Amino acid sequence: MTSLRPLSEMELAEWEEAYISVECYLRALQLRNRLLVADMVRAILFRASDRQAHEPQKAPRVLAMEETLKAVADWTSNVLNVELQNNRLAARGRLALLLADMPGKWQPVFLTQSPWPEPFVQKMRSSYLAAGPQFAALTMTPQPLELNALGSGAAQWFGMMERRPLMKKLYYTGILATIATMVWLMWKG
């Protein structure tokens, strides 16, 4: 398809929303060249428009974002020569794009067909492998809490109040009486 079919005013607003969503996603991937982004968005919207003929119940924005995620995941999978889980570009793939300096140096090859420049492919593959977490087995042994003098005194005081319910009631009554006196003095004064 080379152009979108004729659109009503409401459909035009929906496709404008789809355009903005796709553009924002590509900008989130650090693509800054407006001409390249506009060309990618146009191609994605045409594919989404073709899909809408078969799936009219889905909103254009949803179709466009599904097509965007699929295009980016397929392209990344082809460049990396790795199957992506659920055919989605996870954080590891986005990190590989950034580590390979795709936004800075390799924007023109993003979402293009192969062959890609060999230095770019090598950088992407090495970045993808390095993007995973490095786990190390650690053991933590519990240590007793060390309270300072104020903390120790407070712990003893509240421990004593738990053992003597009458002291607890007197303490809380004293606090309430102090608050009531302060309120009365402010009100009176």
N, C-alpha and C. Protein backbone atom coordinates (compact mmCIF):
# COMPACT_ATOMS: atom_id res chain seq x y z
N MET A 1 0.85 -1.17 0.00
CA MET A 1 0.00 0.00 0.00
C MET A 1 0.90 1.24 0.00
N THR A 2 0.61 2.17 -0.85
CA THR A 2 1.44 3.37 -0.95
C THR A 2 0.82 4.56 -0.24
N SER A 3 -0.47 4.51 0.06
CA SER A 3 -1.10 5.61 0.81
C SER A 3 -2.24 5.06 1.63
N LEU A 4 -2.64 5.83 2.63
CA LEU A 4 -3.76 5.43 3.46
C LEU A 4 -5.05 5.64 2.69
N ARG A 5 -6.06 4.82 2.97
CA ARG A 5 -7.35 4.97 2.31
C ARG A 5 -8.00 6.27 2.78
N PRO A 6 -9.03 6.78 2.10
CA PRO A 6 -9.69 8.02 2.55
C PRO A 6 -10.22 7.85 3.98
N LEU A 7 -10.04 8.90 4.78
CA LEU A 7 -10.38 8.82 6.19
C LEU A 7 -11.40 9.87 6.57
N SER A 8 -12.27 9.48 7.53
CA SER A 8 -13.20 10.46 8.10
C SER A 8 -12.44 11.30 9.12
N GLU A 9 -13.10 12.31 9.66
CA GLU A 9 -12.46 13.18 10.64
C GLU A 9 -12.06 12.40 11.90
N MET A 10 -12.93 11.50 12.36
CA MET A 10 -12.63 10.70 13.54
C MET A 10 -11.47 9.73 13.27
N GLU A 11 -11.51 9.09 12.10
CA GLU A 11 -10.44 8.16 11.74
C GLU A 11 -9.11 8.90 11.62
N LEU A 12 -9.16 10.09 11.07
CA LEU A 12 -7.95 10.89 10.93
C LEU A 12 -7.34 11.20 12.31
N ALA A 13 -8.19 11.51 13.27
CA ALA A 13 -7.71 11.78 14.64
C ALA A 13 -7.11 10.52 15.26
N GLU A 14 -7.73 9.36 14.99
CA GLU A 14 -7.19 8.09 15.53
C GLU A 14 -5.83 7.78 14.91
N TRP A 15 -5.68 8.00 13.61
CA TRP A 15 -4.40 7.72 12.95
C TRP A 15 -3.33 8.73 13.36
N GLU A 16 -3.76 9.95 13.67
CA GLU A 16 -2.81 10.94 14.19
C GLU A 16 -2.28 10.49 15.55
N GLU A 17 -3.17 9.95 16.38
CA GLU A 17 -2.77 9.41 17.67
C GLU A 17 -1.81 8.23 17.49
N ALA A 18 -2.09 7.39 16.50
CA ALA A 18 -1.21 6.25 16.21
C ALA A 18 0.16 6.76 15.76
N TYR A 19 0.17 7.78 14.91
CA TYR A 19 1.44 8.35 14.45
C TYR A 19 2.26 8.85 15.63
N ILE A 20 1.61 9.58 16.53
CA ILE A 20 2.32 10.14 17.69
C ILE A 20 2.87 9.03 18.57
N SER A 21 2.08 7.96 18.78
CA SER A 21 2.53 6.85 19.62
C SER A 21 3.77 6.17 19.03
N VAL A 22 3.75 5.90 17.74
CA VAL A 22 4.89 5.24 17.09
C VAL A 22 6.11 6.16 17.12
N GLU A 23 5.89 7.43 16.81
CA GLU A 23 7.00 8.38 16.82
C GLU A 23 7.62 8.49 18.21
N CYS A 24 6.79 8.54 19.23
CA CYS A 24 7.31 8.63 20.61
C CYS A 24 8.10 7.37 20.98
N TYR A 25 7.63 6.21 20.54
CA TYR A 25 8.36 4.97 20.83
C TYR A 25 9.73 4.99 20.16
N LEU A 26 9.78 5.40 18.90
CA LEU A 26 11.06 5.45 18.19
C LEU A 26 11.98 6.51 18.81
N ARG A 27 11.42 7.60 19.25
CA ARG A 27 12.23 8.62 19.92
C ARG A 27 12.74 8.11 21.27
N ALA A 28 11.95 7.26 21.93
CA ALA A 28 12.39 6.66 23.19
C ALA A 28 13.59 5.74 22.96
N LEU A 29 13.71 5.21 21.75
CA LEU A 29 14.88 4.41 21.39
C LEU A 29 16.06 5.30 20.99
N GLN A 30 15.93 6.59 21.21
CA GLN A 30 16.97 7.60 20.99
C GLN A 30 17.20 7.92 19.51
N LEU A 31 16.22 7.63 18.66
CA LEU A 31 16.34 8.02 17.25
C LEU A 31 16.02 9.51 17.16
N ARG A 32 16.94 10.28 16.60
CA ARG A 32 16.77 11.73 16.57
C ARG A 32 16.61 12.31 15.16
N ASN A 33 16.96 11.55 14.14
CA ASN A 33 16.85 12.05 12.78
C ASN A 33 15.37 12.04 12.37
N ARG A 34 14.78 13.21 12.23
CA ARG A 34 13.35 13.32 11.96
C ARG A 34 12.94 12.69 10.63
N LEU A 35 13.77 12.82 9.64
CA LEU A 35 13.46 12.25 8.33
C LEU A 35 13.39 10.72 8.42
N LEU A 36 14.39 10.12 9.08
CA LEU A 36 14.38 8.66 9.25
C LEU A 36 13.18 8.21 10.08
N VAL A 37 12.91 8.92 11.16
CA VAL A 37 11.79 8.56 12.03
C VAL A 37 10.47 8.66 11.25
N ALA A 38 10.29 9.74 10.50
CA ALA A 38 9.06 9.92 9.73
C ALA A 38 8.89 8.81 8.69
N ASP A 39 9.98 8.40 8.05
CA ASP A 39 9.92 7.33 7.07
C ASP A 39 9.55 6.00 7.73
N MET A 40 10.14 5.73 8.89
CA MET A 40 9.83 4.49 9.62
C MET A 40 8.38 4.50 10.09
N VAL A 41 7.91 5.62 10.60
CA VAL A 41 6.53 5.74 11.07
C VAL A 41 5.57 5.52 9.91
N ARG A 42 5.85 6.11 8.76
CA ARG A 42 5.00 5.95 7.59
C ARG A 42 4.89 4.48 7.19
N ALA A 43 6.02 3.79 7.13
CA ALA A 43 5.99 2.37 6.75
C ALA A 43 5.21 1.55 7.76
N ILE A 44 5.38 1.85 9.03
CA ILE A 44 4.67 1.10 10.08
C ILE A 44 3.17 1.38 10.00
N LEU A 45 2.79 2.64 9.77
CA LEU A 45 1.37 2.98 9.69
C LEU A 45 0.71 2.32 8.48
N PHE A 46 1.44 2.19 7.37
CA PHE A 46 0.87 1.51 6.21
C PHE A 46 0.58 0.04 6.53
N ARG A 47 1.51 -0.60 7.22
CA ARG A 47 1.28 -2.01 7.61
C ARG A 47 0.10 -2.11 8.58
N ALA A 48 0.00 -1.16 9.49
CA ALA A 48 -1.12 -1.16 10.45
C ALA A 48 -2.44 -0.92 9.72
N SER A 49 -2.41 -0.06 8.71
CA SER A 49 -3.61 0.22 7.92
C SER A 49 -4.06 -1.03 7.16
N ASP A 50 -3.10 -1.77 6.61
CA ASP A 50 -3.43 -3.03 5.94
C ASP A 50 -4.06 -4.02 6.91
N ARG A 51 -3.52 -4.07 8.14
CA ARG A 51 -4.07 -4.97 9.15
C ARG A 51 -5.47 -4.56 9.58
N GLN A 52 -5.74 -3.25 9.59
CA GLN A 52 -7.05 -2.80 10.07
C GLN A 52 -8.17 -3.27 9.16
N ALA A 53 -7.87 -3.49 7.90
CA ALA A 53 -8.88 -4.03 6.99
C ALA A 53 -9.35 -5.40 7.45
N HIS A 54 -8.46 -6.17 8.09
CA HIS A 54 -8.80 -7.51 8.56
C HIS A 54 -9.17 -7.52 10.04
N GLU A 55 -8.79 -6.47 10.76
CA GLU A 55 -9.07 -6.39 12.21
C GLU A 55 -9.70 -5.03 12.53
N PRO A 56 -10.91 -4.76 12.05
CA PRO A 56 -11.52 -3.43 12.25
C PRO A 56 -11.88 -3.11 13.70
N GLN A 57 -11.95 -4.12 14.55
CA GLN A 57 -12.32 -3.90 15.95
C GLN A 57 -11.17 -3.28 16.75
N LYS A 58 -9.95 -3.37 16.26
CA LYS A 58 -8.80 -2.82 16.97
C LYS A 58 -8.57 -1.36 16.59
N ALA A 59 -8.21 -0.58 17.58
CA ALA A 59 -7.93 0.83 17.35
C ALA A 59 -6.64 0.98 16.54
N PRO A 60 -6.56 2.01 15.69
CA PRO A 60 -5.35 2.22 14.90
C PRO A 60 -4.08 2.35 15.77
N ARG A 61 -4.19 2.99 16.92
CA ARG A 61 -3.03 3.15 17.79
C ARG A 61 -2.52 1.79 18.26
N VAL A 62 -3.43 0.90 18.62
CA VAL A 62 -3.04 -0.44 19.07
C VAL A 62 -2.36 -1.20 17.94
N LEU A 63 -2.98 -1.18 16.75
CA LEU A 63 -2.39 -1.86 15.60
C LEU A 63 -1.02 -1.28 15.27
N ALA A 64 -0.91 0.04 15.31
CA ALA A 64 0.37 0.68 14.97
C ALA A 64 1.45 0.29 15.97
N MET A 65 1.12 0.28 17.25
CA MET A 65 2.12 -0.09 18.25
C MET A 65 2.49 -1.57 18.15
N GLU A 66 1.52 -2.42 17.87
CA GLU A 66 1.84 -3.84 17.66
C GLU A 66 2.79 -4.01 16.48
N GLU A 67 2.52 -3.29 15.40
CA GLU A 67 3.40 -3.35 14.23
C GLU A 67 4.78 -2.79 14.55
N THR A 68 4.83 -1.73 15.35
CA THR A 68 6.12 -1.15 15.74
C THR A 68 6.94 -2.15 16.54
N LEU A 69 6.31 -2.72 17.55
CA LEU A 69 7.02 -3.69 18.40
C LEU A 69 7.48 -4.89 17.59
N LYS A 70 6.61 -5.33 16.68
CA LYS A 70 6.97 -6.49 15.83
C LYS A 70 8.13 -6.13 14.91
N ALA A 71 8.09 -4.95 14.29
CA ALA A 71 9.16 -4.55 13.37
C ALA A 71 10.50 -4.43 14.09
N VAL A 72 10.49 -3.80 15.25
CA VAL A 72 11.74 -3.63 16.01
C VAL A 72 12.24 -4.99 16.50
N ALA A 73 11.33 -5.84 17.00
CA ALA A 73 11.75 -7.15 17.49
C ALA A 73 12.28 -8.02 16.36
N ASP A 74 11.59 -8.03 15.21
CA ASP A 74 12.06 -8.84 14.07
C ASP A 74 13.43 -8.35 13.59
N TRP A 75 13.58 -7.05 13.46
CA TRP A 75 14.86 -6.50 13.01
C TRP A 75 15.98 -6.84 13.99
N THR A 76 15.72 -6.65 15.28
CA THR A 76 16.74 -6.95 16.28
C THR A 76 17.07 -8.43 16.29
N SER A 77 16.05 -9.26 16.17
CA SER A 77 16.28 -10.71 16.13
C SER A 77 17.14 -11.09 14.92
N ASN A 78 16.89 -10.47 13.78
CA ASN A 78 17.69 -10.76 12.58
C ASN A 78 19.12 -10.28 12.73
N VAL A 79 19.31 -9.08 13.29
CA VAL A 79 20.67 -8.56 13.46
C VAL A 79 21.45 -9.41 14.45
N LEU A 80 20.78 -9.77 15.56
CA LEU A 80 21.47 -10.55 16.60
C LEU A 80 21.58 -12.02 16.25
N ASN A 81 20.73 -12.47 15.31
CA ASN A 81 20.66 -13.88 14.96
C ASN A 81 20.27 -14.70 16.20
N VAL A 82 19.32 -14.15 16.94
CA VAL A 82 18.84 -14.77 18.18
C VAL A 82 17.32 -14.67 18.20
N GLU A 83 16.65 -15.73 18.69
CA GLU A 83 15.20 -15.67 18.86
C GLU A 83 14.89 -14.88 20.13
N LEU A 84 14.02 -13.90 20.01
CA LEU A 84 13.62 -13.11 21.17
C LEU A 84 12.42 -13.77 21.85
N GLN A 85 12.36 -13.67 23.17
CA GLN A 85 11.25 -14.27 23.91
C GLN A 85 9.97 -13.52 23.57
N ASN A 86 8.92 -14.27 23.25
CA ASN A 86 7.61 -13.71 22.90
C ASN A 86 7.71 -12.70 21.76
N ASN A 87 8.76 -12.82 20.95
CA ASN A 87 8.99 -11.93 19.82
C ASN A 87 8.95 -10.45 20.24
N ARG A 88 9.51 -10.16 21.44
CA ARG A 88 9.52 -8.80 21.95
C ARG A 88 10.94 -8.36 22.24
N LEU A 89 11.17 -7.09 22.05
CA LEU A 89 12.46 -6.50 22.36
C LEU A 89 12.44 -6.16 23.85
N ALA A 90 13.13 -6.95 24.63
CA ALA A 90 13.15 -6.73 26.07
C ALA A 90 14.20 -5.68 26.41
N ALA A 91 14.35 -5.43 27.69
CA ALA A 91 15.30 -4.42 28.16
C ALA A 91 16.71 -4.74 27.66
N ARG A 92 17.03 -6.01 27.61
CA ARG A 92 18.36 -6.42 27.15
C ARG A 92 18.62 -6.01 25.70
N GLY A 93 17.60 -6.13 24.85
CA GLY A 93 17.73 -5.72 23.46
C GLY A 93 17.85 -4.21 23.32
N ARG A 94 17.04 -3.46 24.11
CA ARG A 94 17.14 -2.00 24.06
C ARG A 94 18.49 -1.54 24.56
N LEU A 95 19.00 -2.21 25.60
CA LEU A 95 20.32 -1.87 26.11
C LEU A 95 21.40 -2.15 25.07
N ALA A 96 21.25 -3.25 24.35
CA ALA A 96 22.22 -3.57 23.29
C ALA A 96 22.20 -2.50 22.20
N LEU A 97 21.01 -1.99 21.87
CA LEU A 97 20.93 -0.91 20.89
C LEU A 97 21.70 0.32 21.36
N LEU A 98 21.54 0.65 22.63
CA LEU A 98 22.22 1.82 23.17
C LEU A 98 23.73 1.59 23.29
N LEU A 99 24.12 0.40 23.75
CA LEU A 99 25.55 0.10 23.90
C LEU A 99 26.27 0.03 22.55
N ALA A 100 25.54 -0.36 21.51
CA ALA A 100 26.13 -0.42 20.17
C ALA A 100 26.16 0.96 19.53
N ASP A 101 25.68 1.96 20.23
CA ASP A 101 25.62 3.35 19.76
C ASP A 101 24.77 3.46 18.50
N MET A 102 23.68 2.69 18.46
CA MET A 102 22.77 2.78 17.33
C MET A 102 22.19 4.20 17.21
N PRO A 103 21.78 4.85 18.33
CA PRO A 103 21.23 6.20 18.17
C PRO A 103 22.24 7.22 17.64
N GLY A 104 23.50 7.04 17.95
CA GLY A 104 24.49 8.03 17.53
C GLY A 104 25.08 7.74 16.17
N LYS A 105 25.62 6.54 16.00
CA LYS A 105 26.41 6.23 14.82
C LYS A 105 25.65 5.45 13.75
N TRP A 106 24.67 4.62 14.18
CA TRP A 106 24.08 3.68 13.24
C TRP A 106 22.60 3.92 12.96
N GLN A 107 22.09 5.11 13.14
CA GLN A 107 20.67 5.37 12.89
C GLN A 107 20.22 4.98 11.48
N PRO A 108 21.01 5.24 10.45
CA PRO A 108 20.53 4.91 9.10
C PRO A 108 20.29 3.42 8.86
N VAL A 109 20.86 2.52 9.67
CA VAL A 109 20.66 1.09 9.43
C VAL A 109 19.52 0.53 10.27
N PHE A 110 18.94 1.35 11.15
CA PHE A 110 17.86 0.86 12.01
C PHE A 110 16.63 0.54 11.17
N LEU A 111 16.08 -0.65 11.37
CA LEU A 111 14.90 -1.18 10.67
C LEU A 111 15.09 -1.31 9.17
N THR A 112 16.34 -1.47 8.72
CA THR A 112 16.59 -1.71 7.30
C THR A 112 16.84 -3.19 7.08
N GLN A 113 16.81 -3.59 5.81
CA GLN A 113 17.08 -4.98 5.46
C GLN A 113 18.59 -5.23 5.47
N SER A 114 18.96 -6.50 5.63
CA SER A 114 20.38 -6.83 5.56
C SER A 114 20.85 -6.64 4.13
N PRO A 115 22.10 -6.48 3.88
CA PRO A 115 23.24 -6.60 4.79
C PRO A 115 23.47 -5.31 5.58
N TRP A 116 23.87 -5.51 6.82
CA TRP A 116 24.20 -4.40 7.69
C TRP A 116 25.72 -4.30 7.79
N PRO A 117 26.25 -3.15 8.14
CA PRO A 117 27.71 -3.03 8.28
C PRO A 117 28.22 -4.00 9.34
N GLU A 118 29.27 -4.70 9.01
CA GLU A 118 29.82 -5.73 9.91
C GLU A 118 30.20 -5.17 11.29
N PRO A 119 30.82 -3.98 11.38
CA PRO A 119 31.15 -3.45 12.72
C PRO A 119 29.89 -3.25 13.58
N PHE A 120 28.79 -2.84 12.94
CA PHE A 120 27.54 -2.65 13.67
C PHE A 120 27.01 -3.98 14.19
N VAL A 121 27.01 -4.99 13.33
CA VAL A 121 26.49 -6.30 13.74
C VAL A 121 27.33 -6.86 14.89
N GLN A 122 28.65 -6.77 14.77
CA GLN A 122 29.53 -7.27 15.85
C GLN A 122 29.28 -6.52 17.15
N LYS A 123 29.13 -5.21 17.05
CA LYS A 123 28.90 -4.39 18.25
C LYS A 123 27.56 -4.75 18.89
N MET A 124 26.53 -4.94 18.07
CA MET A 124 25.21 -5.32 18.59
C MET A 124 25.26 -6.67 19.28
N ARG A 125 25.90 -7.64 18.64
CA ARG A 125 25.96 -8.99 19.23
C ARG A 125 26.77 -9.02 20.51
N SER A 126 27.89 -8.32 20.54
CA SER A 126 28.69 -8.29 21.77
C SER A 126 27.97 -7.52 22.87
N SER A 127 27.25 -6.46 22.50
CA SER A 127 26.49 -5.69 23.49
C SER A 127 25.33 -6.50 24.05
N TYR A 128 24.68 -7.28 23.19
CA TYR A 128 23.55 -8.10 23.64
C TYR A 128 24.01 -9.16 24.63
N LEU A 129 25.17 -9.75 24.35
CA LEU A 129 25.69 -10.77 25.26
C LEU A 129 26.15 -10.15 26.58
N ALA A 130 26.67 -8.94 26.54
CA ALA A 130 27.17 -8.28 27.75
C ALA A 130 26.07 -7.62 28.56
N ALA A 131 24.85 -7.52 27.99
CA ALA A 131 23.79 -6.78 28.66
C ALA A 131 23.14 -7.55 29.80
N GLY A 132 23.40 -8.84 29.92
CA GLY A 132 22.77 -9.63 30.97
C GLY A 132 23.41 -9.39 32.33
N PRO A 133 22.68 -9.70 33.38
CA PRO A 133 23.23 -9.48 34.72
C PRO A 133 24.29 -10.52 35.07
N GLN A 134 25.24 -10.12 35.87
CA GLN A 134 26.28 -11.02 36.35
C GLN A 134 25.93 -11.37 37.79
N PHE A 135 25.43 -12.58 38.01
CA PHE A 135 25.02 -12.98 39.34
C PHE A 135 26.19 -13.61 40.08
N ALA A 136 26.25 -13.33 41.36
CA ALA A 136 27.25 -13.94 42.23
C ALA A 136 26.54 -14.46 43.47
N ALA A 137 26.93 -15.65 43.90
CA ALA A 137 26.32 -16.23 45.09
C ALA A 137 26.88 -15.54 46.33
N LEU A 138 26.00 -14.98 47.11
CA LEU A 138 26.39 -14.31 48.34
C LEU A 138 25.60 -14.90 49.50
N THR A 139 26.21 -14.91 50.65
CA THR A 139 25.49 -15.35 51.84
C THR A 139 25.48 -14.20 52.84
N MET A 140 24.37 -14.06 53.49
CA MET A 140 24.24 -13.01 54.50
C MET A 140 23.91 -13.68 55.83
N THR A 141 24.72 -13.42 56.82
CA THR A 141 24.44 -13.95 58.15
C THR A 141 23.81 -12.86 58.98
N PRO A 142 22.74 -13.19 59.70
CA PRO A 142 22.08 -12.16 60.50
C PRO A 142 22.98 -11.68 61.63
N GLN A 143 22.95 -10.39 61.86
CA GLN A 143 23.72 -9.78 62.94
C GLN A 143 22.75 -9.19 63.94
N PRO A 144 23.09 -9.25 65.23
CA PRO A 144 22.20 -8.64 66.23
C PRO A 144 22.21 -7.11 66.08
N LEU A 145 21.06 -6.52 66.39
CA LEU A 145 20.96 -5.07 66.33
C LEU A 145 21.74 -4.44 67.48
N GLU A 146 22.46 -3.42 67.18
CA GLU A 146 23.19 -2.69 68.22
C GLU A 146 22.50 -1.34 68.39
N LEU A 147 21.88 -1.15 69.56
CA LEU A 147 21.19 0.09 69.83
C LEU A 147 22.09 1.02 70.64
N ASN A 148 22.01 2.31 70.39
CA ASN A 148 22.77 3.25 71.20
C ASN A 148 22.07 3.41 72.56
N ALA A 149 22.58 4.27 73.40
CA ALA A 149 22.04 4.41 74.76
C ALA A 149 20.58 4.83 74.73
N LEU A 150 20.21 5.76 73.87
CA LEU A 150 18.83 6.22 73.79
C LEU A 150 17.92 5.08 73.32
N GLY A 151 18.37 4.35 72.32
CA GLY A 151 17.58 3.23 71.80
C GLY A 151 17.42 2.13 72.83
N SER A 152 18.49 1.84 73.56
CA SER A 152 18.42 0.80 74.60
C SER A 152 17.47 1.22 75.70
N GLY A 153 17.54 2.50 76.11
CA GLY A 153 16.64 2.99 77.15
C GLY A 153 15.19 2.94 76.72
N ALA A 154 14.93 3.32 75.48
CA ALA A 154 13.56 3.28 74.96
C ALA A 154 13.06 1.84 74.89
N ALA A 155 13.91 0.93 74.44
CA ALA A 155 13.52 -0.48 74.37
C ALA A 155 13.19 -1.02 75.76
N GLN A 156 13.99 -0.67 76.78
CA GLN A 156 13.71 -1.12 78.15
C GLN A 156 12.42 -0.51 78.67
N TRP A 157 12.20 0.79 78.39
CA TRP A 157 11.00 1.48 78.87
C TRP A 157 9.74 0.84 78.29
N PHE A 158 9.72 0.60 76.95
CA PHE A 158 8.54 0.00 76.34
C PHE A 158 8.39 -1.46 76.72
N GLY A 159 9.48 -2.15 76.98
CA GLY A 159 9.41 -3.53 77.49
C GLY A 159 8.78 -3.57 78.87
N MET A 160 9.15 -2.61 79.72
CA MET A 160 8.59 -2.53 81.06
C MET A 160 7.10 -2.21 80.97
N MET A 161 6.73 -1.33 80.05
CA MET A 161 5.31 -0.98 79.93
C MET A 161 4.47 -2.15 79.45
N GLU A 162 5.05 -3.04 78.66
CA GLU A 162 4.32 -4.24 78.22
C GLU A 162 4.10 -5.20 79.38
N ARG A 163 5.05 -5.23 80.29
CA ARG A 163 4.92 -6.13 81.44
C ARG A 163 4.00 -5.56 82.51
N ARG A 164 3.84 -4.25 82.57
CA ARG A 164 3.01 -3.59 83.58
C ARG A 164 1.93 -2.76 82.88
N PRO A 165 0.75 -3.34 82.68
CA PRO A 165 -0.30 -2.64 81.95
C PRO A 165 -0.76 -1.35 82.65
N LEU A 166 -0.69 -1.31 84.00
CA LEU A 166 -1.09 -0.11 84.72
C LEU A 166 -0.16 1.05 84.37
N MET A 167 1.15 0.80 84.28
CA MET A 167 2.12 1.85 83.90
C MET A 167 1.83 2.34 82.47
N LYS A 168 1.47 1.42 81.60
CA LYS A 168 1.17 1.77 80.21
C LYS A 168 -0.02 2.72 80.16
N LYS A 169 -1.10 2.38 80.94
CA LYS A 169 -2.28 3.23 80.96
C LYS A 169 -1.96 4.60 81.55
N LEU A 170 -1.15 4.63 82.60
CA LEU A 170 -0.76 5.90 83.20
C LEU A 170 0.06 6.75 82.22
N TYR A 171 0.94 6.12 81.50
CA TYR A 171 1.79 6.83 80.51
C TYR A 171 0.92 7.47 79.43
N TYR A 172 0.00 6.68 78.85
CA TYR A 172 -0.85 7.22 77.80
C TYR A 172 -1.81 8.28 78.33
N THR A 173 -2.30 8.11 79.56
CA THR A 173 -3.15 9.11 80.18
C THR A 173 -2.37 10.41 80.37
N GLY A 174 -1.12 10.30 80.79
CA GLY A 174 -0.27 11.48 80.96
C GLY A 174 -0.05 12.22 79.64
N ILE A 175 0.17 11.47 78.58
CA ILE A 175 0.37 12.09 77.26
C ILE A 175 -0.91 12.81 76.82
N LEU A 176 -2.06 12.15 76.98
CA LEU A 176 -3.32 12.78 76.61
C LEU A 176 -3.59 14.02 77.45
N ALA A 177 -3.29 13.96 78.76
CA ALA A 177 -3.49 15.13 79.63
C ALA A 177 -2.59 16.28 79.20
N THR A 178 -1.34 15.99 78.83
CA THR A 178 -0.42 17.03 78.37
C THR A 178 -0.93 17.68 77.09
N ILE A 179 -1.39 16.88 76.14
CA ILE A 179 -1.93 17.41 74.89
C ILE A 179 -3.17 18.25 75.15
N ALA A 180 -4.07 17.75 76.02
CA ALA A 180 -5.29 18.49 76.34
C ALA A 180 -4.96 19.81 77.01
N THR A 181 -3.98 19.82 77.90
CA THR A 181 -3.58 21.06 78.59
C THR A 181 -3.02 22.05 77.58
N MET A 182 -2.17 21.59 76.66
CA MET A 182 -1.60 22.48 75.65
C MET A 182 -2.68 23.07 74.76
N VAL A 183 -3.67 22.26 74.35
CA VAL A 183 -4.77 22.76 73.54
C VAL A 183 -5.59 23.77 74.31
N TRP A 184 -5.87 23.48 75.59
CA TRP A 184 -6.66 24.40 76.41
C TRP A 184 -5.93 25.74 76.59
N LEU A 185 -4.60 25.69 76.81
CA LEU A 185 -3.83 26.91 76.98
C LEU A 185 -3.81 27.73 75.68
N MET A 186 -3.67 27.08 74.54
CA MET A 186 -3.69 27.80 73.28
C MET A 186 -5.06 28.42 73.02
N TRP A 187 -6.11 27.69 73.34
CA TRP A 187 -7.46 28.16 73.12
C TRP A 187 -7.79 29.32 74.07
N LYS A 188 -7.35 29.18 75.29
CA LYS A 188 -7.61 30.18 76.33
C LYS A 188 -6.74 31.42 76.12
N GLY A 189 -5.52 31.21 75.71
CA GLY A 189 -4.52 32.23 75.71
C GLY A 189 -4.48 33.20 74.63
